[in-house]
Amino acid sequence: MQKHHWTQVSEIELVYRSKIKAAERPAVKTSREAYQLLIREWDLDKIELLEQFKVLFLNQSNRVLGLLNVSSGGMTSTVADPRLIFSAALKAAACSLVLSHSHPSGNLKPSKNDEDLTRKMRESGKFLDIALLDHLILTRSGYFSFADEGLL
């Protein structure tokens, strides 16, 4: 049996490198601004084909630190793992985030799963002092905002 020395462990390094100056980062203050930014980054050839989940990470001034492509799923669902999302948020030193996912059906009404995930993410963020500002459901022609509808 091979013995391992107690100092032989993997090193974990937290690094966030932005190539964009702070003043040049886009600011997101409304759901419309978030939608316009997100829809430009969406693959419009897939928005009506499969469900995708993305997250915007914001600093204290609501300037975008980055965009995380969380997952691409099937026609009716995709996976959004809170551990993955919050580990990326912590690495980027985000103060807040905006969740987003597409509904290939074009239906903007949130599902029960959408509501449950939003609640879980909001509660998880509270423990980490990372605010959930909004959760957008996107289609090619428009969006639904949990914040605008008072569902946060």
Protein backbone atom coordinates (compact mmCIF):
# COMPACT_ATOMS: atom_id res chain seq x y z
CA MET A 1 0.00 0.00 0.00
CA GLN A 2 1.37 3.40 -1.03
CA LYS A 3 1.62 6.03 1.67
CA HIS A 4 0.74 9.64 0.84
CA HIS A 5 2.41 12.52 2.52
CA TRP A 6 -0.03 15.02 4.08
CA THR A 7 1.37 17.85 1.91
CA GLN A 8 0.49 16.07 -1.33
CA VAL A 9 -2.81 17.76 -2.04
CA SER A 10 -4.17 19.61 -5.03
CA GLU A 11 -3.89 23.36 -4.97
CA ILE A 12 -7.02 25.39 -5.66
CA GLU A 13 -6.46 28.82 -7.12
CA LEU A 14 -9.17 31.44 -7.53
CA VAL A 15 -8.51 33.74 -10.46
CA TYR A 16 -10.67 36.19 -12.38
CA ARG A 17 -9.05 37.99 -15.28
CA SER A 18 -11.08 40.52 -17.16
CA LYS A 19 -9.91 41.80 -20.52
CA ILE A 20 -12.41 44.66 -20.34
CA LYS A 21 -11.81 47.84 -18.36
CA ALA A 22 -14.37 48.44 -15.61
CA ALA A 23 -15.67 51.63 -17.24
CA GLU A 24 -16.21 49.80 -20.55
CA ARG A 25 -18.35 47.01 -19.13
CA PRO A 26 -22.04 47.30 -20.03
CA ALA A 27 -24.37 48.27 -17.20
CA VAL A 28 -27.62 46.39 -16.62
CA LYS A 29 -30.24 48.32 -14.66
CA THR A 30 -33.49 47.05 -16.22
CA SER A 31 -34.87 43.75 -17.47
CA ARG A 32 -34.97 45.20 -21.00
CA GLU A 33 -31.25 46.00 -20.86
CA ALA A 34 -30.52 42.48 -19.62
CA TYR A 35 -32.67 40.95 -22.38
CA GLN A 36 -31.01 43.05 -25.09
CA LEU A 37 -27.56 42.02 -23.90
CA LEU A 38 -28.48 38.35 -23.54
CA ILE A 39 -30.32 38.00 -26.85
CA ARG A 40 -27.21 39.30 -28.67
CA GLU A 41 -25.21 36.49 -27.06
CA TRP A 42 -27.81 33.78 -27.75
CA ASP A 43 -27.49 31.40 -30.67
CA LEU A 44 -30.69 32.37 -32.51
CA ASP A 45 -30.40 29.23 -34.65
CA LYS A 46 -31.05 27.20 -31.47
CA ILE A 47 -33.42 29.43 -29.47
CA GLU A 48 -36.50 27.69 -30.90
CA LEU A 49 -34.87 24.25 -30.89
CA LEU A 50 -33.48 23.60 -27.43
CA GLU A 51 -33.54 25.10 -23.97
CA GLN A 52 -30.37 26.88 -22.86
CA PHE A 53 -29.44 28.46 -19.52
CA LYS A 54 -27.09 31.44 -19.11
CA VAL A 55 -26.15 33.73 -16.22
CA LEU A 56 -24.95 37.33 -16.16
CA PHE A 57 -22.63 38.21 -13.29
CA LEU A 58 -22.65 41.85 -12.13
CA ASN A 59 -20.50 43.98 -9.86
CA GLN A 60 -21.70 46.47 -7.22
CA SER A 61 -22.44 49.06 -9.95
CA ASN A 62 -24.49 46.56 -11.99
CA ARG A 63 -21.76 46.38 -14.62
CA VAL A 64 -21.37 43.01 -16.31
CA LEU A 65 -18.39 40.99 -15.10
CA GLY A 66 -19.14 38.07 -17.38
CA LEU A 67 -21.60 35.66 -18.94
CA LEU A 68 -21.69 31.97 -18.07
CA ASN A 69 -23.17 29.46 -20.51
CA VAL A 70 -24.49 27.02 -17.92
CA SER A 71 -26.16 24.37 -20.05
CA SER A 72 -27.91 23.33 -23.22
CA GLY A 73 -30.63 20.76 -22.84
CA GLY A 74 -33.49 19.30 -24.78
CA MET A 75 -36.65 20.82 -26.14
CA THR A 76 -38.38 21.07 -22.78
CA SER A 77 -35.68 21.34 -20.10
CA THR A 78 -32.07 21.94 -19.19
CA VAL A 79 -30.01 21.67 -16.01
CA ALA A 80 -29.03 24.70 -13.93
CA ASP A 81 -26.83 23.51 -11.08
CA PRO A 82 -26.75 26.17 -8.32
CA ARG A 83 -23.33 24.95 -7.14
CA LEU A 84 -21.82 25.57 -10.56
CA ILE A 85 -23.50 28.97 -10.89
CA PHE A 86 -22.48 30.21 -7.44
CA SER A 87 -18.94 28.85 -7.73
CA ALA A 88 -18.55 30.94 -10.91
CA ALA A 89 -20.17 33.95 -9.20
CA LEU A 90 -17.72 33.70 -6.31
CA LYS A 91 -14.77 33.33 -8.65
CA ALA A 92 -15.84 36.47 -10.54
CA ALA A 93 -16.44 38.32 -7.23
CA ALA A 94 -19.99 39.04 -8.39
CA CYS A 95 -22.33 41.04 -6.17
CA SER A 96 -25.43 40.03 -8.09
CA LEU A 97 -26.62 37.90 -10.96
CA VAL A 98 -29.32 37.61 -13.59
CA LEU A 99 -30.50 34.14 -14.53
CA SER A 100 -31.85 33.47 -18.01
CA HIS A 101 -33.10 30.56 -20.04
CA SER A 102 -34.92 30.05 -23.28
CA HIS A 103 -38.30 28.47 -23.92
CA PRO A 104 -38.14 26.90 -27.39
CA SER A 105 -41.95 26.67 -27.44
CA GLY A 106 -42.16 30.47 -27.46
CA ASN A 107 -44.34 30.36 -24.34
CA LEU A 108 -43.20 33.02 -21.87
CA LYS A 109 -45.14 31.64 -18.90
CA PRO A 110 -42.80 30.26 -16.22
CA SER A 111 -43.21 26.61 -15.26
CA LYS A 112 -43.39 25.34 -11.69
CA ASN A 113 -39.77 24.17 -12.11
CA ASP A 114 -38.77 27.70 -13.21
CA GLU A 115 -40.41 29.17 -10.12
CA ASP A 116 -38.82 26.58 -7.81
CA LEU A 117 -35.35 27.15 -9.25
CA THR A 118 -35.73 30.92 -8.94
CA ARG A 119 -36.72 30.61 -5.29
CA LYS A 120 -33.82 28.20 -4.60
CA MET A 121 -31.31 30.51 -6.30
CA ARG A 122 -32.62 33.59 -4.46
CA GLU A 123 -32.36 31.82 -1.08
CA SER A 124 -28.91 30.41 -1.87
CA GLY A 125 -27.67 33.84 -2.90
CA LYS A 126 -28.79 35.34 0.39
CA PHE A 127 -26.31 33.15 2.28
CA LEU A 128 -23.48 34.34 0.04
CA ASP A 129 -24.55 37.99 -0.19
CA ILE A 130 -25.04 37.59 -3.93
CA ALA A 131 -28.37 39.12 -4.94
CA LEU A 132 -30.58 37.53 -7.58
CA LEU A 133 -31.73 40.60 -9.52
CA ASP A 134 -33.87 38.81 -12.08
CA HIS A 135 -34.64 35.60 -13.93
CA LEU A 136 -35.53 36.08 -17.58
CA ILE A 137 -37.28 33.63 -19.86
CA LEU A 138 -36.25 34.43 -23.42
CA THR A 139 -37.77 33.80 -26.81
CA ARG A 140 -36.86 35.24 -30.17
CA SER A 141 -39.69 37.76 -29.90
CA GLY A 142 -39.60 38.80 -26.24
CA TYR A 143 -39.02 37.93 -22.61
CA PHE A 144 -40.62 37.38 -19.21
CA SER A 145 -39.04 38.99 -16.15
CA PHE A 146 -39.58 37.48 -12.70
CA ALA A 147 -38.57 40.80 -11.14
CA ASP A 148 -40.94 42.90 -13.26
CA GLU A 149 -43.80 40.54 -12.40
CA GLY A 150 -43.07 40.70 -8.65
CA LEU A 151 -42.03 37.03 -8.45
CA LEU A 152 -38.70 37.60 -6.75
